[in-house]
PDB file of N, CA and C in Angstrom:
ATOM      1  N   MET A   1       0.657 -13.893  -1.170  1.00  0.00           N
ATOM      2  CA  MET A   1       1.172 -13.411  -2.482  1.00  0.00           C
ATOM      3  C   MET A   1       0.570 -12.109  -3.301  1.00  0.00           C
ATOM      4  N   HIS A   2       1.229 -10.829  -3.550  1.00  0.00           N
ATOM      5  CA  HIS A   2       1.024  -9.548  -4.214  1.00  0.00           C
ATOM      6  C   HIS A   2       0.890  -9.694  -5.433  1.00  0.00           C
ATOM      7  N   GLU A   3       0.145  -9.469  -6.446  1.00  0.00           N
ATOM      8  CA  GLU A   3      -0.236  -9.626  -7.589  1.00  0.00           C
ATOM      9  C   GLU A   3      -0.269  -8.275  -8.325  1.00  0.00           C
ATOM     10  N   VAL A   4       0.589  -7.719  -9.379  1.00  0.00           N
ATOM     11  CA  VAL A   4       0.970  -6.497  -9.505  1.00  0.00           C
ATOM     12  C   VAL A   4       0.578  -7.295 -11.311  1.00  0.00           C
ATOM     13  N   GLU A   5       0.695  -5.910 -12.446  1.00  0.00           N
ATOM     14  CA  GLU A   5       0.040  -5.589 -13.450  1.00  0.00           C
ATOM     15  C   GLU A   5       1.566  -6.657 -14.103  1.00  0.00           C
ATOM     16  N   ARG A   6       1.628  -6.743 -15.498  1.00  0.00           N
ATOM     17  CA  ARG A   6       2.533  -6.800 -16.386  1.00  0.00           C
ATOM     18  C   ARG A   6       3.643  -5.668 -16.879  1.00  0.00           C
ATOM     19  N   VAL A   7       4.802  -5.561 -16.493  1.00  0.00           N
ATOM     20  CA  VAL A   7       5.649  -4.310 -16.954  1.00  0.00           C
ATOM     21  C   VAL A   7       5.416  -4.477 -18.250  1.00  0.00           C
ATOM     22  N   THR A   8       4.951  -3.276 -18.997  1.00  0.00           N
ATOM     23  CA  THR A   8       4.786  -3.092 -20.467  1.00  0.00           C
ATOM     24  C   THR A   8       6.112  -2.245 -21.114  1.00  0.00           C
ATOM     25  N   SER A   9       6.306  -1.161 -20.296  1.00  0.00           N
ATOM     26  CA  SER A   9       7.867  -0.550 -20.630  1.00  0.00           C
ATOM     27  C   SER A   9       8.391   0.081 -19.583  1.00  0.00           C
ATOM     28  N   GLY A  10       9.769   0.401 -19.225  1.00  0.00           N
ATOM     29  CA  GLY A  10      10.760   0.834 -18.092  1.00  0.00           C
ATOM     30  C   GLY A  10      10.729   0.025 -17.520  1.00  0.00           C
ATOM     31  N   VAL A  11      11.232   0.139 -16.478  1.00  0.00           N
ATOM     32  CA  VAL A  11      11.438  -0.774 -15.167  1.00  0.00           C
ATOM     33  C   VAL A  11      10.994  -0.745 -14.039  1.00  0.00           C
ATOM     34  N   ARG A  12      10.054  -1.855 -13.214  1.00  0.00           N
ATOM     35  CA  ARG A  12       9.436  -1.891 -12.132  1.00  0.00           C
ATOM     36  C   ARG A  12      10.570  -1.835 -11.029  1.00  0.00           C
ATOM     37  N   TYR A  13      10.477  -1.557  -9.605  1.00  0.00           N
ATOM     38  CA  TYR A  13      11.894  -1.383  -8.530  1.00  0.00           C
ATOM     39  C   TYR A  13      10.832  -2.351  -7.962  1.00  0.00           C
ATOM     40  N   ALA A  14      10.912  -2.783  -7.057  1.00  0.00           N
ATOM     41  CA  ALA A  14      10.224  -3.579  -5.888  1.00  0.00           C
ATOM     42  C   ALA A  14      10.846  -3.800  -4.828  1.00  0.00           C
ATOM     43  N   VAL A  15      10.206  -3.129  -3.690  1.00  0.00           N
ATOM     44  CA  VAL A  15      10.995  -3.112  -2.222  1.00  0.00           C
ATOM     45  C   VAL A  15       9.866  -4.116  -1.454  1.00  0.00           C
ATOM     46  N   PRO A  16      10.291  -5.152  -0.382  1.00  0.00           N
ATOM     47  CA  PRO A  16       9.830  -5.613   0.116  1.00  0.00           C
ATOM     48  C   PRO A  16       9.007  -4.767   0.844  1.00  0.00           C
ATOM     49  N   CYS A  17       7.758  -5.206   1.193  1.00  0.00           N
ATOM     50  CA  CYS A  17       6.729  -4.564   2.163  1.00  0.00           C
ATOM     51  C   CYS A  17       5.544  -5.057   2.352  1.00  0.00           C
ATOM     52  N   PHE A  18       4.715  -4.480   3.558  1.00  0.00           N
ATOM     53  CA  PHE A  18       3.835  -4.913   4.080  1.00  0.00           C
ATOM     54  C   PHE A  18       2.450  -4.534   3.233  1.00  0.00           C
ATOM     55  N   PHE A  19       1.345  -5.819   2.782  1.00  0.00           N
ATOM     56  CA  PHE A  19       0.601  -5.185   2.455  1.00  0.00           C
ATOM     57  C   PHE A  19      -1.028  -5.167   3.220  1.00  0.00           C
ATOM     58  N   THR A  20      -1.845  -4.513   2.363  1.00  0.00           N
ATOM     59  CA  THR A  20      -2.878  -4.795   3.462  1.00  0.00           C
ATOM     60  C   THR A  20      -4.350  -4.336   2.761  1.00  0.00           C
ATOM     61  N   THR A  21      -5.764  -5.383   2.714  1.00  0.00           N
ATOM     62  CA  THR A  21      -6.703  -5.004   2.034  1.00  0.00           C
ATOM     63  C   THR A  21      -7.847  -4.100   2.440  1.00  0.00           C
ATOM     64  N   CYS A  22      -6.859  -3.299   3.385  1.00  0.00           N
ATOM     65  CA  CYS A  22      -7.832  -1.695   3.780  1.00  0.00           C
ATOM     66  C   CYS A  22      -7.134  -0.710   3.561  1.00  0.00           C
ATOM     67  N   PRO A  23      -7.871   0.304   3.171  1.00  0.00           N
ATOM     68  CA  PRO A  23      -7.249   1.564   2.570  1.00  0.00           C
ATOM     69  C   PRO A  23      -7.472   2.140   3.565  1.00  0.00           C
ATOM     70  N   VAL A  24      -6.130   3.381   3.726  1.00  0.00           N
ATOM     71  CA  VAL A  24      -5.671   4.300   5.248  1.00  0.00           C
ATOM     72  C   VAL A  24      -7.547   5.344   5.069  1.00  0.00           C
ATOM     73  N   PRO A  25      -7.761   5.269   6.133  1.00  0.00           N
ATOM     74  CA  PRO A  25      -8.908   6.568   6.275  1.00  0.00           C
ATOM     75  C   PRO A  25      -8.638   7.346   6.170  1.00  0.00           C
ATOM     76  N   GLU A  26      -8.797   8.702   5.085  1.00  0.00           N
ATOM     77  CA  GLU A  26      -8.651  10.238   5.004  1.00  0.00           C
ATOM     78  C   GLU A  26      -8.151  10.722   6.156  1.00  0.00           C
ATOM     79  N   ALA A  27      -9.192  10.215   6.714  1.00  0.00           N
ATOM     80  CA  ALA A  27      -8.669  11.124   8.292  1.00  0.00           C
ATOM     81  C   ALA A  27      -7.334  11.227   8.682  1.00  0.00           C
ATOM     82  N   ALA A  28      -6.917  10.052   8.782  1.00  0.00           N
ATOM     83  CA  ALA A  28      -5.460   9.876   9.013  1.00  0.00           C
ATOM     84  C   ALA A  28      -4.697  10.763   8.502  1.00  0.00           C
ATOM     85  N   TYR A  29      -4.805  10.710   7.284  1.00  0.00           N
ATOM     86  CA  TYR A  29      -3.976  11.823   6.409  1.00  0.00           C
ATOM     87  C   TYR A  29      -3.875  13.333   6.590  1.00  0.00           C
ATOM     88  N   ASP A  30      -4.778  13.928   7.396  1.00  0.00           N
ATOM     89  CA  ASP A  30      -5.507  14.724   7.760  1.00  0.00           C
ATOM     90  C   ASP A  30      -4.363  14.987   9.361  1.00  0.00           C
ATOM     91  N   GLN A  31      -3.909  14.139   9.701  1.00  0.00           N
ATOM     92  CA  GLN A  31      -3.035  14.079  11.172  1.00  0.00           C
ATOM     93  C   GLN A  31      -2.067  14.256  10.987  1.00  0.00           C
ATOM     94  N   MET A  32      -1.185  13.641   9.759  1.00  0.00           N
ATOM     95  CA  MET A  32       0.075  13.525   9.326  1.00  0.00           C
ATOM     96  C   MET A  32       0.850  14.890   9.142  1.00  0.00           C
ATOM     97  N   VAL A  33       2.059  15.085   9.027  1.00  0.00           N
ATOM     98  CA  VAL A  33       2.644  16.368   9.361  1.00  0.00           C
ATOM     99  C   VAL A  33       2.642  16.826   7.438  1.00  0.00           C
ATOM    100  N   ALA A  34       2.834  15.961   6.922  1.00  0.00           N
ATOM    101  CA  ALA A  34       2.470  16.416   5.839  1.00  0.00           C
ATOM    102  C   ALA A  34       1.322  15.903   4.596  1.00  0.00           C
ATOM    103  N   GLY A  35       0.935  15.250   5.427  1.00  0.00           N
ATOM    104  CA  GLY A  35      -0.405  14.383   4.405  1.00  0.00           C
ATOM    105  C   GLY A  35      -0.018  13.786   3.598  1.00  0.00           C
ATOM    106  N   LYS A  36      -0.626  13.728   2.199  1.00  0.00           N
ATOM    107  CA  LYS A  36      -0.784  13.317   1.006  1.00  0.00           C
ATOM    108  C   LYS A  36       0.103  13.979  -0.083  1.00  0.00           C
ATOM    109  N   PRO A  37       1.283  13.602  -0.520  1.00  0.00           N
ATOM    110  CA  PRO A  37       2.098  14.115  -1.304  1.00  0.00           C
ATOM    111  C   PRO A  37       1.573  14.613  -2.673  1.00  0.00           C
ATOM    112  N   LYS A  38       1.769  15.648  -2.981  1.00  0.00           N
ATOM    113  CA  LYS A  38       0.670  16.221  -4.486  1.00  0.00           C
ATOM    114  C   LYS A  38       1.313  16.554  -5.288  1.00  0.00           C
ATOM    115  N   THR A  39       2.924  16.501  -5.322  1.00  0.00           N
ATOM    116  CA  THR A  39       4.476  17.035  -6.461  1.00  0.00           C
ATOM    117  C   THR A  39       5.543  16.143  -5.801  1.00  0.00           C
ATOM    118  N   ASP A  40       6.173  16.104  -6.820  1.00  0.00           N
ATOM    119  CA  ASP A  40       7.506  15.135  -6.750  1.00  0.00           C
ATOM    120  C   ASP A  40       8.088  15.595  -6.062  1.00  0.00           C
ATOM    121  N   GLU A  41       8.419  17.135  -5.039  1.00  0.00           N
ATOM    122  CA  GLU A  41       9.091  17.280  -4.489  1.00  0.00           C
ATOM    123  C   GLU A  41       8.193  17.042  -2.893  1.00  0.00           C
ATOM    124  N   ASP A  42       7.369  16.749  -2.979  1.00  0.00           N
ATOM    125  CA  ASP A  42       6.692  16.619  -1.722  1.00  0.00           C
ATOM    126  C   ASP A  42       6.552  15.212  -1.439  1.00  0.00           C
ATOM    127  N   ILE A  43       6.913  14.089  -2.782  1.00  0.00           N
ATOM    128  CA  ILE A  43       7.180  12.573  -2.291  1.00  0.00           C
ATOM    129  C   ILE A  43       8.738  12.418  -1.748  1.00  0.00           C
ATOM    130  N   ALA A  44      10.067  13.173  -2.423  1.00  0.00           N
ATOM    131  CA  ALA A  44      10.834  13.276  -2.172  1.00  0.00           C
ATOM    132  C   ALA A  44      11.303  13.989  -0.411  1.00  0.00           C
ATOM    133  N   ASP A  45      10.592  14.675  -0.446  1.00  0.00           N
ATOM    134  CA  ASP A  45      10.592  14.879   1.452  1.00  0.00           C
ATOM    135  C   ASP A  45      10.147  14.292   1.830  1.00  0.00           C
ATOM    136  N   ASP A  46       9.096  13.582   1.584  1.00  0.00           N
ATOM    137  CA  ASP A  46       8.643  11.881   2.259  1.00  0.00           C
ATOM    138  C   ASP A  46       9.684  11.226   2.173  1.00  0.00           C
ATOM    139  N   TRP A  47      10.440  10.542   1.216  1.00  0.00           N
ATOM    140  CA  TRP A  47      11.360   9.968   1.501  1.00  0.00           C
ATOM    141  C   TRP A  47      12.219   9.974   2.477  1.00  0.00           C
ATOM    142  N   LEU A  48      12.807  11.258   2.576  1.00  0.00           N
ATOM    143  CA  LEU A  48      14.396  11.737   2.929  1.00  0.00           C
ATOM    144  C   LEU A  48      13.139  12.246   4.558  1.00  0.00           C
ATOM    145  N   HIS A  49      12.315  12.190   5.102  1.00  0.00           N
ATOM    146  CA  HIS A  49      11.773  12.443   5.970  1.00  0.00           C
ATOM    147  C   HIS A  49      11.242  10.913   6.559  1.00  0.00           C
ATOM    148  N   LEU A  50      11.039  10.293   6.182  1.00  0.00           N
ATOM    149  CA  LEU A  50      10.473   9.299   6.520  1.00  0.00           C
ATOM    150  C   LEU A  50      11.433   7.677   6.716  1.00  0.00           C
ATOM    151  N   LEU A  51      12.377   7.465   5.988  1.00  0.00           N
ATOM    152  CA  LEU A  51      13.047   6.701   5.836  1.00  0.00           C
ATOM    153  C   LEU A  51      14.934   7.209   6.483  1.00  0.00           C
ATOM    154  N   LEU A  52      14.662   8.707   6.867  1.00  0.00           N
ATOM    155  CA  LEU A  52      16.229   9.225   7.538  1.00  0.00           C
ATOM    156  C   LEU A  52      15.989   9.939   8.179  1.00  0.00           C
ATOM    157  N   ALA A  53      15.615   9.839   9.596  1.00  0.00           N
ATOM    158  CA  ALA A  53      15.485  10.394  10.146  1.00  0.00           C
ATOM    159  C   ALA A  53      16.297  11.044  10.855  1.00  0.00           C
ATOM    160  N   HIS A  54      16.556  12.410  10.432  1.00  0.00           N
ATOM    161  CA  HIS A  54      18.096  13.263  11.267  1.00  0.00           C
ATOM    162  C   HIS A  54      17.573  13.583  12.380  1.00  0.00           C
ATOM    163  N   ARG A  55      17.619  13.446  13.131  1.00  0.00           N
ATOM    164  CA  ARG A  55      17.606  13.911  14.343  1.00  0.00           C
ATOM    165  C   ARG A  55      17.081  13.154  15.381  1.00  0.00           C
ATOM    166  N   GLU A  56      17.595  13.253  16.616  1.00  0.00           N
ATOM    167  CA  GLU A  56      17.403  12.105  17.990  1.00  0.00           C
ATOM    168  C   GLU A  56      15.254  12.317  17.889  1.00  0.00           C
ATOM    169  N   GLU A  57      15.095  11.313  18.328  1.00  0.00           N
ATOM    170  CA  GLU A  57      13.725  10.969  18.269  1.00  0.00           C
ATOM    171  C   GLU A  57      13.119   9.869  19.457  1.00  0.00           C
ATOM    172  N   SER A  58      12.139   9.764  20.178  1.00  0.00           N
ATOM    173  CA  SER A  58      11.675   8.769  21.168  1.00  0.00           C
ATOM    174  C   SER A  58      11.412   8.038  20.296  1.00  0.00           C
ATOM    175  N   PRO A  59      10.908   6.355  21.502  1.00  0.00           N
ATOM    176  CA  PRO A  59      10.627   5.211  20.350  1.00  0.00           C
ATOM    177  C   PRO A  59       9.112   5.797  19.768  1.00  0.00           C
ATOM    178  N   LEU A  60       8.354   6.285  20.975  1.00  0.00           N
ATOM    179  CA  LEU A  60       6.922   6.314  20.614  1.00  0.00           C
ATOM    180  C   LEU A  60       6.940   7.403  18.767  1.00  0.00           C
ATOM    181  N   GLU A  61       8.107   8.650  18.319  1.00  0.00           N
ATOM    182  CA  GLU A  61       7.882   9.727  17.225  1.00  0.00           C
ATOM    183  C   GLU A  61       8.613   8.529  16.504  1.00  0.00           C
ATOM    184  N   SER A  62       9.387   7.265  17.167  1.00  0.00           N
ATOM    185  CA  SER A  62      10.039   6.478  15.493  1.00  0.00           C
ATOM    186  C   SER A  62       8.992   5.578  14.972  1.00  0.00           C
ATOM    187  N   THR A  63       8.167   4.951  15.853  1.00  0.00           N
ATOM    188  CA  THR A  63       6.613   4.346  15.927  1.00  0.00           C
ATOM    189  C   THR A  63       6.325   4.600  14.547  1.00  0.00           C
ATOM    190  N   GLY A  64       5.814   6.327  15.130  1.00  0.00           N
ATOM    191  CA  GLY A  64       5.122   7.147  14.233  1.00  0.00           C
ATOM    192  C   GLY A  64       5.278   7.409  12.852  1.00  0.00           C
ATOM    193  N   ARG A  65       6.654   7.576  12.560  1.00  0.00           N
ATOM    194  CA  ARG A  65       7.503   7.668  11.550  1.00  0.00           C
ATOM    195  C   ARG A  65       7.032   6.603  10.424  1.00  0.00           C
ATOM    196  N   VAL A  66       7.363   5.101  11.029  1.00  0.00           N
ATOM    197  CA  VAL A  66       7.503   4.067  10.493  1.00  0.00           C
ATOM    198  C   VAL A  66       5.782   4.348  10.041  1.00  0.00           C
ATOM    199  N   LYS A  67       4.719   4.187  10.737  1.00  0.00           N
ATOM    200  CA  LYS A  67       3.592   4.034  10.352  1.00  0.00           C
ATOM    201  C   LYS A  67       2.887   4.710   9.563  1.00  0.00           C
ATOM    202  N   GLU A  68       3.612   5.905   9.892  1.00  0.00           N
ATOM    203  CA  GLU A  68       3.488   6.678   8.493  1.00  0.00           C
ATOM    204  C   GLU A  68       3.758   6.744   7.371  1.00  0.00           C
ATOM    205  N   LEU A  69       5.067   5.983   7.114  1.00  0.00           N
ATOM    206  CA  LEU A  69       5.892   5.414   5.468  1.00  0.00           C
ATOM    207  C   LEU A  69       4.656   4.148   5.266  1.00  0.00           C
ATOM    208  N   LEU A  70       4.293   3.130   6.319  1.00  0.00           N
ATOM    209  CA  LEU A  70       3.524   1.929   5.416  1.00  0.00           C
ATOM    210  C   LEU A  70       2.106   3.063   4.540  1.00  0.00           C
ATOM    211  N   MET A  71       1.589   4.131   5.891  1.00  0.00           N
ATOM    212  CA  MET A  71       0.145   4.573   5.091  1.00  0.00           C
ATOM    213  C   MET A  71       0.346   5.427   4.052  1.00  0.00           C
ATOM    214  N   LYS A  72       1.764   6.042   3.833  1.00  0.00           N
ATOM    215  CA  LYS A  72       2.020   6.809   2.574  1.00  0.00           C
ATOM    216  C   LYS A  72       2.669   6.063   0.984  1.00  0.00           C
ATOM    217  N   TRP A  73       3.096   4.437   1.351  1.00  0.00           N
ATOM    218  CA  TRP A  73       4.045   4.063   0.765  1.00  0.00           C
ATOM    219  C   TRP A  73       3.264   4.056  -0.720  1.00  0.00           C
ATOM    220  N   HIS A  74       2.157   3.383  -0.340  1.00  0.00           N
ATOM    221  CA  HIS A  74       1.405   3.781  -2.524  1.00  0.00           C
ATOM    222  C   HIS A  74       1.283   5.277  -2.753  1.00  0.00           C
ATOM    223  N   TYR A  75       1.034   6.148  -2.341  1.00  0.00           N
ATOM    224  CA  TYR A  75       1.654   7.370  -2.706  1.00  0.00           C
ATOM    225  C   TYR A  75       2.629   7.515  -3.294  1.00  0.00           C
ATOM    226  N   MET A  76       3.651   7.275  -2.423  1.00  0.00           N
ATOM    227  CA  MET A  76       4.944   7.519  -2.364  1.00  0.00           C
ATOM    228  C   MET A  76       5.828   6.838  -3.767  1.00  0.00           C
ATOM    229  N   CYS A  77       4.982   5.115  -3.933  1.00  0.00           N
ATOM    230  CA  CYS A  77       6.149   4.663  -5.375  1.00  0.00           C
ATOM    231  C   CYS A  77       4.702   4.669  -6.325  1.00  0.00           C
ATOM    232  N   THR A  78       3.793   5.576  -6.488  1.00  0.00           N
ATOM    233  CA  THR A  78       3.249   5.661  -7.516  1.00  0.00           C
ATOM    234  C   THR A  78       2.963   6.798  -8.047  1.00  0.00           C
ATOM    235  N   PRO A  79       2.809   6.813  -9.462  1.00  0.00           N
ATOM    236  CA  PRO A  79       3.833   8.122  -9.850  1.00  0.00           C
ATOM    237  C   PRO A  79       2.118   8.916  -9.765  1.00  0.00           C
ATOM    238  N   LEU A  80       2.545  10.532  -9.786  1.00  0.00           N
ATOM    239  CA  LEU A  80       1.285  11.073  -9.066  1.00  0.00           C
ATOM    240  C   LEU A  80      -0.087  11.125 -10.264  1.00  0.00           C
ATOM    241  N   SER A  81       0.321  10.732 -11.537  1.00  0.00           N
ATOM    242  CA  SER A  81      -0.854  10.893 -12.566  1.00  0.00           C
ATOM    243  C   SER A  81      -1.835   9.442 -11.964  1.00  0.00           C
ATOM    244  N   GLU A  82      -1.379   8.669 -11.234  1.00  0.00           N
ATOM    245  CA  GLU A  82      -2.233   7.697 -10.971  1.00  0.00           C
ATOM    246  C   GLU A  82      -2.731   7.378  -9.248  1.00  0.00           C
ATOM    247  N   HIS A  83      -2.968   8.754  -8.808  1.00  0.00           N
ATOM    248  CA  HIS A  83      -3.148   8.736  -7.460  1.00  0.00           C
ATOM    249  C   HIS A  83      -4.795   9.381  -7.647  1.00  0.00           C
TER     250      HIS A  83
END
């Protein structure tokens, strides 16, 4: 079970996902194409790139894209002020 805080205002959107108790090593972000998102535009670009591959890709590239999505999930779904 993944426990979250009670919603006190606004709306919570939940998407099924995998969770881990181990943080992503900082070095892993350095190896990514864009690293950690720093702006709302970066987050939008990550959603587009990581969910919708707009090009042919090999199975290895596809696996890497999904792995990057899972590693960045927290940053993409959390307000920038909480990073």
